[in-house]
Structure formats: structure tokens, C-alpha cells
Amino acid sequence: MQSPAKRCGYLAALLLGCALWPLGCLPAQQRETEFQLQKTEAERDAAQIALRDERARSAALSEQLAAQQQRAASAQAEAAAVREQLQSVQEQRDQALALIEQRASTPLARPDAPPSILPPDCDAALQNFVAKFQHRVWYDRSRGALSFANDQLFESGSDVVRADAQASLHELAAVTNRALPRDFELIVVGHTDDAPITKPETLAQHPSNWHLSVHRAIAVRAVLVKAGVSAERFGVMGYGAERPLGADRARNRRVEIFFVRKGDVQSFAPVKP
């Protein structure tokens, strides 16, 4: 690309040549004067053209500079916003770490256990009993009730208490005779799942889930009576599949034992672990 100075020289030479062509017929001194005048005018015109080009280039450069300055200002603003966000994140992180450290150094408070409706000695004895047989039974302290998983007590479709479940019921009988006041009774409630009985040999003994739930409650009562609990302290009920704990059939198959003071009204809603 030619510089403005070179372009200016070319233009001046061209204009000068065009201007000198008519001077060939004039006297020498006049031709010299005209020559110098036209040379000066040609140089002036060339300089004006060069100045105009230079101004245009300068204006373009100024626009480019302004655009770059604007981009730089935008970048600085974005950088400032990022720094502010980073500082905010760091502050939030520091607050979270301080909270975690505070909670880690604070001793965890044990949740208050629900109060038991049973006398303290009986409540403590039942808690120890459940801790020993925790895979077979759970305890609702607020309602004074135990719940045994049927799968731990009976074979499928049977109302005969399994031999390996006898020990837990015998120990419960000992706890009852030792810790449960004489004015309390035991209500044994049987439950099944909603699967209908289909085996002929089972139907011959238990025509429906209602029968099976009651028969199992009777079987648990029989083991406890044989283990030493007075028969007159018992009541027996069966709900079949009508009082499920939820969708899990295995959990719905259970036998519950409620410890009720004589004359009190007791809800027999499902005992939940």
C-alpha cells in the first residue's frame, strides 16, 4: 500500500503535466510564471486530497480505538462482576464451613423417647426384651404394644409357632409375670397379608385369612399361657388382611400384643416400628 506522501507526489506530477500542456505557445517568462502557479495549485490540490485521505484514516483509527476501549471497559466490568461473585461464593463457603465446624463441635442431643403408658419397670423390661430379639419384634412405647413378624413365628399358612420362636415368647412370659402389674391384661391380635389362601390343606384348617389371623393369635396366647402367664389375663382378636401397615406383605403378616389396664379403652390400630 502506497503512503500518503507518495500518492501526493504522483497526483502533483499528474496535475502539473496536464497544466503545462497548454503553455507551449506562451513566452518563456510567462510560461515560467504559469508553470510555477499551476505547480503550486497542483501541489495544493494533491495536499488537500492527501489530507482528506489522512483524516479518513485517522477517523477510522479513532473508531477502532473507541471500539477497543469499549471492549476493554466491558471486559473490566465482567472481570469485576466475576470477582464479586467469587467473593460471594467464598463468603458462603466460609459461612458453611463455620456452621459445619460449629455443629461438629456441638454434642448431639438424644431425641426424647415417647413416654410409655406402662409402669417404668415394665417399660424398661420390654425395651430390654426387644433389644435382645430385635429381628423378631418391635415395641411401641407410647401405646404399650409389641409386634412380632409372622415370618419369624410361623411357617407359611401355618398356625403352629416355630420351635426357634418359642424362646422369645417364653422370655416375654417371664417379663410379663415379673414386671407387668396384675391389673394389666394382654390382648393378642393376629394379622395376615391380602394373598388369598389357595392350598386345600391350608383351607381345610383356615377357611379364610380371618380364620388364620385369629388362629395364630390363639397359638401365641397358648405358648404364653403354657410358659406361665395366667389364661384369664388374655383377650384374642384377628383382623385378617384389613389392618395392613403398608404395601409390604411381609410386614403386614404379624401378631401384635397390647398391654392394657383392665377397664381402659384401647385402640388396636397397627403397631408401626
Protein backbone atom coordinates (compact mmCIF):
# COMPACT_ATOMS: atom_id res chain seq x y z
CA MET A 1 0.00 0.00 0.00
CA GLN A 2 1.44 3.42 -1.00
CA SER A 3 1.94 6.05 1.69
CA PRO A 4 0.05 9.36 1.51
CA ALA A 5 3.30 11.19 0.63
CA LYS A 6 3.90 9.04 -2.45
CA ARG A 7 0.29 9.39 -3.57
CA CYS A 8 0.59 13.14 -3.10
CA GLY A 9 3.71 13.21 -5.36
CA TYR A 10 2.04 11.18 -8.07
CA LEU A 11 -1.01 13.41 -8.08
CA ALA A 12 1.11 16.55 -8.18
CA ALA A 13 3.10 15.29 -11.16
CA LEU A 14 -0.05 14.31 -12.99
CA LEU A 15 -1.78 17.61 -12.38
CA LEU A 16 1.36 19.50 -13.32
CA GLY A 17 1.66 17.66 -16.60
CA CYS A 18 -1.93 18.42 -17.50
CA ALA A 19 -1.49 22.07 -16.62
CA LEU A 20 1.74 22.55 -18.61
CA TRP A 21 0.42 21.18 -21.85
CA PRO A 22 -1.24 24.47 -22.98
CA LEU A 23 1.86 26.56 -22.08
CA GLY A 24 3.89 25.56 -25.07
CA CYS A 25 2.72 28.61 -27.07
CA LEU A 26 3.38 31.31 -24.36
CA PRO A 27 6.55 33.44 -23.90
CA ALA A 28 9.23 31.89 -21.71
CA GLN A 29 8.83 34.18 -18.67
CA GLN A 30 5.05 33.96 -18.73
CA ARG A 31 5.27 30.22 -19.19
CA GLU A 32 7.55 30.01 -16.16
CA THR A 33 5.12 32.03 -14.07
CA GLU A 34 2.18 29.97 -15.22
CA PHE A 35 4.20 26.86 -14.64
CA GLN A 36 5.02 27.78 -11.05
CA LEU A 37 1.42 28.82 -10.41
CA GLN A 38 -0.03 25.63 -11.79
CA LYS A 39 2.62 23.61 -9.97
CA THR A 40 1.65 25.25 -6.72
CA GLU A 41 -2.05 24.67 -7.37
CA ALA A 42 -1.37 21.04 -8.27
CA GLU A 43 0.65 20.55 -5.10
CA ARG A 44 -2.13 22.25 -3.09
CA ASP A 45 -4.79 20.01 -4.62
CA ALA A 46 -2.67 16.93 -4.03
CA ALA A 47 -2.07 18.01 -0.43
CA GLN A 48 -5.80 18.54 0.11
CA ILE A 49 -6.53 15.07 -1.28
CA ALA A 50 -3.81 13.56 0.90
CA LEU A 51 -5.13 15.49 3.92
CA ARG A 52 -8.65 14.22 3.25
CA ASP A 53 -7.36 10.64 3.00
CA GLU A 54 -5.33 11.09 6.16
CA ARG A 55 -8.34 12.45 8.03
CA ALA A 56 -10.43 9.49 6.86
CA ARG A 57 -7.73 7.05 8.01
CA SER A 58 -7.44 8.92 11.29
CA ALA A 59 -11.21 8.76 11.78
CA ALA A 60 -11.16 5.01 11.09
CA LEU A 61 -8.33 4.54 13.56
CA SER A 62 -10.25 6.61 16.12
CA GLU A 63 -13.32 4.38 15.66
CA GLN A 64 -11.18 1.28 16.07
CA LEU A 65 -9.61 2.74 19.20
CA ALA A 66 -13.02 3.65 20.62
CA ALA A 67 -14.30 0.12 19.92
CA GLN A 68 -11.24 -1.40 21.60
CA GLN A 69 -11.66 0.90 24.58
CA GLN A 70 -15.33 -0.10 24.82
CA ARG A 71 -14.40 -3.78 24.68
CA ALA A 72 -11.75 -3.23 27.32
CA ALA A 73 -14.27 -1.44 29.56
CA SER A 74 -16.75 -4.31 29.10
CA ALA A 75 -14.06 -6.83 29.92
CA GLN A 76 -13.13 -4.89 33.05
CA ALA A 77 -16.79 -4.74 34.10
CA GLU A 78 -17.17 -8.51 33.55
CA ALA A 79 -13.98 -9.15 35.49
CA ALA A 80 -15.29 -7.00 38.34
CA ALA A 81 -18.59 -8.92 38.34
CA VAL A 82 -16.73 -12.24 38.38
CA ARG A 83 -14.60 -11.04 41.29
CA GLU A 84 -17.75 -10.05 43.18
CA GLN A 85 -19.35 -13.44 42.51
CA LEU A 86 -16.17 -15.22 43.56
CA GLN A 87 -16.03 -13.20 46.76
CA SER A 88 -19.70 -14.01 47.45
CA VAL A 89 -19.06 -17.74 46.88
CA GLN A 90 -16.03 -17.63 49.16
CA GLU A 91 -18.07 -15.91 51.87
CA GLN A 92 -20.84 -18.50 51.55
CA ARG A 93 -18.26 -21.28 51.70
CA ASP A 94 -16.67 -19.77 54.81
CA GLN A 95 -20.10 -19.48 56.45
CA ALA A 96 -20.94 -23.08 55.57
CA LEU A 97 -17.60 -24.33 56.91
CA ALA A 98 -18.10 -22.34 60.11
CA LEU A 99 -21.59 -23.81 60.53
CA ILE A 100 -20.30 -27.34 59.90
CA GLU A 101 -17.49 -26.83 62.38
CA GLN A 102 -19.93 -25.44 64.93
CA ARG A 103 -22.31 -28.36 64.52
CA ALA A 104 -19.44 -30.85 64.60
CA SER A 105 -18.25 -29.44 67.92
CA THR A 106 -21.75 -29.40 69.43
CA PRO A 107 -22.74 -32.64 71.17
CA LEU A 108 -25.80 -34.25 69.61
CA ALA A 109 -28.81 -34.19 71.85
CA ARG A 110 -30.58 -37.51 72.13
CA PRO A 111 -34.20 -37.21 71.00
CA ASP A 112 -36.71 -37.59 73.74
CA ALA A 113 -38.23 -41.05 73.71
CA PRO A 114 -42.02 -41.10 73.60
CA PRO A 115 -43.49 -41.61 77.05
CA SER A 116 -44.72 -45.08 77.83
CA ILE A 117 -48.21 -45.79 79.13
CA LEU A 118 -46.73 -48.73 81.05
CA PRO A 119 -45.10 -48.53 84.50
CA PRO A 120 -41.36 -47.69 84.30
CA ASP A 121 -40.17 -51.14 85.41
CA CYS A 122 -42.36 -52.87 82.83
CA ASP A 123 -41.35 -50.40 80.10
CA ALA A 124 -37.65 -50.94 80.82
CA ALA A 125 -38.10 -54.72 80.84
CA LEU A 126 -39.87 -54.65 77.47
CA GLN A 127 -37.15 -52.43 75.98
CA ASN A 128 -34.51 -54.93 77.09
CA PHE A 129 -36.61 -57.76 75.69
CA VAL A 130 -36.91 -56.08 72.28
CA ALA A 131 -33.20 -55.28 72.21
CA LYS A 132 -32.47 -58.98 72.64
CA PHE A 133 -34.92 -60.09 69.92
CA GLN A 134 -34.78 -57.04 67.68
CA HIS A 135 -35.02 -59.05 64.46
CA ARG A 136 -38.26 -60.67 65.57
CA VAL A 137 -40.20 -57.95 67.39
CA TRP A 138 -40.57 -54.17 67.77
CA TYR A 139 -42.05 -52.11 70.58
CA ASP A 140 -44.38 -49.08 70.53
CA ARG A 141 -43.73 -47.44 73.92
CA SER A 142 -46.41 -44.80 73.55
CA ARG A 143 -49.09 -47.46 73.13
CA GLY A 144 -47.64 -50.24 75.25
CA ALA A 145 -47.65 -52.76 72.40
CA LEU A 146 -45.36 -55.36 70.83
CA SER A 147 -45.46 -56.57 67.23
CA PHE A 148 -43.99 -59.91 66.12
CA ALA A 149 -43.26 -60.62 62.47
CA ASN A 150 -45.30 -63.66 61.46
CA ASP A 151 -42.48 -64.92 59.25
CA GLN A 152 -40.43 -65.23 62.46
CA LEU A 153 -43.23 -67.06 64.30
CA PHE A 154 -44.97 -69.31 61.74
CA GLU A 155 -44.37 -71.20 58.54
CA SER A 156 -46.44 -70.08 55.55
CA GLY A 157 -50.12 -70.92 56.04
CA SER A 158 -49.49 -72.45 59.46
CA ASP A 159 -50.68 -71.53 62.95
CA VAL A 160 -48.03 -73.64 64.71
CA VAL A 161 -45.41 -71.48 66.44
CA ARG A 162 -41.96 -72.36 65.15
CA ALA A 163 -39.55 -74.02 67.56
CA ASP A 164 -36.95 -71.26 67.15
CA ALA A 165 -39.58 -68.65 68.10
CA GLN A 166 -40.56 -70.38 71.32
CA ALA A 167 -37.64 -68.85 73.26
CA SER A 168 -38.70 -65.27 72.60
CA LEU A 169 -42.30 -65.96 73.71
CA HIS A 170 -41.09 -67.80 76.83
CA GLU A 171 -38.93 -64.83 77.76
CA LEU A 172 -41.86 -62.48 77.15
CA ALA A 173 -43.93 -64.62 79.54
CA ALA A 174 -41.22 -64.21 82.19
CA VAL A 175 -41.16 -60.42 81.64
CA THR A 176 -44.95 -60.30 81.91
CA ASN A 177 -45.08 -62.25 85.15
CA ARG A 178 -42.19 -60.28 86.64
CA ALA A 179 -42.87 -56.68 85.54
CA LEU A 180 -46.43 -56.27 84.29
CA PRO A 181 -48.81 -55.21 87.10
CA ARG A 182 -51.68 -57.59 87.81
CA ASP A 183 -54.28 -55.05 86.74
CA PHE A 184 -52.99 -55.20 83.14
CA GLU A 185 -54.28 -57.63 80.54
CA LEU A 186 -52.77 -58.87 77.25
CA ILE A 187 -54.75 -58.54 74.02
CA VAL A 188 -53.24 -60.69 71.24
CA VAL A 189 -54.18 -59.52 67.71
CA GLY A 190 -53.42 -61.52 64.56
CA HIS A 191 -52.94 -60.07 61.05
CA THR A 192 -52.30 -61.59 57.62
CA ASP A 193 -51.44 -60.20 54.20
CA ASP A 194 -54.01 -59.90 51.41
CA ALA A 195 -52.92 -63.01 49.49
CA PRO A 196 -55.88 -65.43 49.40
CA ILE A 197 -55.46 -68.92 50.81
CA THR A 198 -55.37 -71.41 47.91
CA LYS A 199 -53.79 -74.63 49.21
CA PRO A 200 -56.51 -77.21 50.00
CA GLU A 201 -54.72 -78.45 53.12
CA THR A 202 -54.50 -74.87 54.46
CA LEU A 203 -58.10 -74.09 53.57
CA ALA A 204 -59.18 -77.19 55.45
CA GLN A 205 -57.82 -75.67 58.68
CA HIS A 206 -58.19 -71.93 57.93
CA PRO A 207 -61.09 -71.20 55.53
CA SER A 208 -60.03 -67.53 55.19
CA ASN A 209 -57.40 -65.03 56.25
CA TRP A 210 -59.76 -64.02 59.06
CA HIS A 211 -59.58 -67.54 60.48
CA LEU A 212 -55.81 -67.73 60.01
CA SER A 213 -55.22 -64.41 61.81
CA VAL A 214 -57.32 -65.49 64.81
CA HIS A 215 -55.81 -68.97 64.90
CA ARG A 216 -52.31 -67.51 65.00
CA ALA A 217 -53.27 -65.15 67.82
CA ILE A 218 -54.68 -68.12 69.71
CA ALA A 219 -51.45 -70.06 69.12
CA VAL A 220 -49.31 -67.21 70.55
CA ARG A 221 -51.63 -66.99 73.57
CA ALA A 222 -51.32 -70.75 74.08
CA VAL A 223 -47.50 -70.56 74.16
CA LEU A 224 -47.58 -67.68 76.68
CA VAL A 225 -50.11 -69.48 78.89
CA LYS A 226 -48.00 -72.65 78.77
CA ALA A 227 -44.99 -70.52 79.75
CA GLY A 228 -46.78 -69.34 82.90
CA VAL A 229 -48.94 -66.31 82.11
CA SER A 230 -52.42 -66.62 83.60
CA ALA A 231 -55.02 -67.52 80.96
CA GLU A 232 -57.53 -65.12 82.44
CA ARG A 233 -55.36 -62.15 81.52
CA PHE A 234 -55.77 -62.69 77.77
CA GLY A 235 -58.03 -61.50 75.03
CA VAL A 236 -57.67 -62.65 71.39
CA MET A 237 -58.60 -60.88 68.16
CA GLY A 238 -57.99 -61.26 64.44
CA TYR A 239 -58.25 -58.71 61.62
CA GLY A 240 -57.26 -60.83 58.66
CA ALA A 241 -55.80 -58.51 55.99
CA GLU A 242 -57.92 -55.49 56.99
CA ARG A 243 -55.30 -53.60 59.03
CA PRO A 244 -52.17 -53.50 56.81
CA LEU A 245 -49.08 -51.49 57.70
CA GLY A 246 -48.48 -50.67 54.04
CA ALA A 247 -47.75 -52.33 50.69
CA ASP A 248 -45.12 -54.74 52.08
CA ARG A 249 -46.90 -58.05 52.56
CA ALA A 250 -44.15 -59.45 54.79
CA ARG A 251 -44.60 -56.60 57.28
CA ASN A 252 -48.37 -56.93 57.18
CA ARG A 253 -48.10 -60.54 58.39
CA ARG A 254 -47.72 -60.06 62.15
CA VAL A 255 -49.05 -60.73 65.63
CA GLU A 256 -49.43 -57.78 67.99
CA ILE A 257 -49.71 -57.88 71.77
CA PHE A 258 -51.26 -54.89 73.57
CA PHE A 259 -50.78 -54.44 77.32
CA VAL A 260 -53.99 -52.83 78.56
CA ARG A 261 -55.09 -51.85 82.03
CA LYS A 262 -58.35 -53.50 82.95
CA GLY A 263 -61.31 -51.28 82.14
CA ASP A 264 -59.33 -48.96 79.80
CA VAL A 265 -60.36 -48.40 76.19
CA GLN A 266 -57.51 -49.27 73.82
CA SER A 267 -57.05 -48.51 70.12
CA PHE A 268 -55.91 -51.51 68.14
CA ALA A 269 -54.59 -49.56 65.17
CA PRO A 270 -51.50 -51.17 63.56
CA VAL A 271 -48.29 -51.05 65.59
CA LYS A 272 -45.65 -49.36 63.44
CA PRO A 273 -41.91 -49.78 64.01
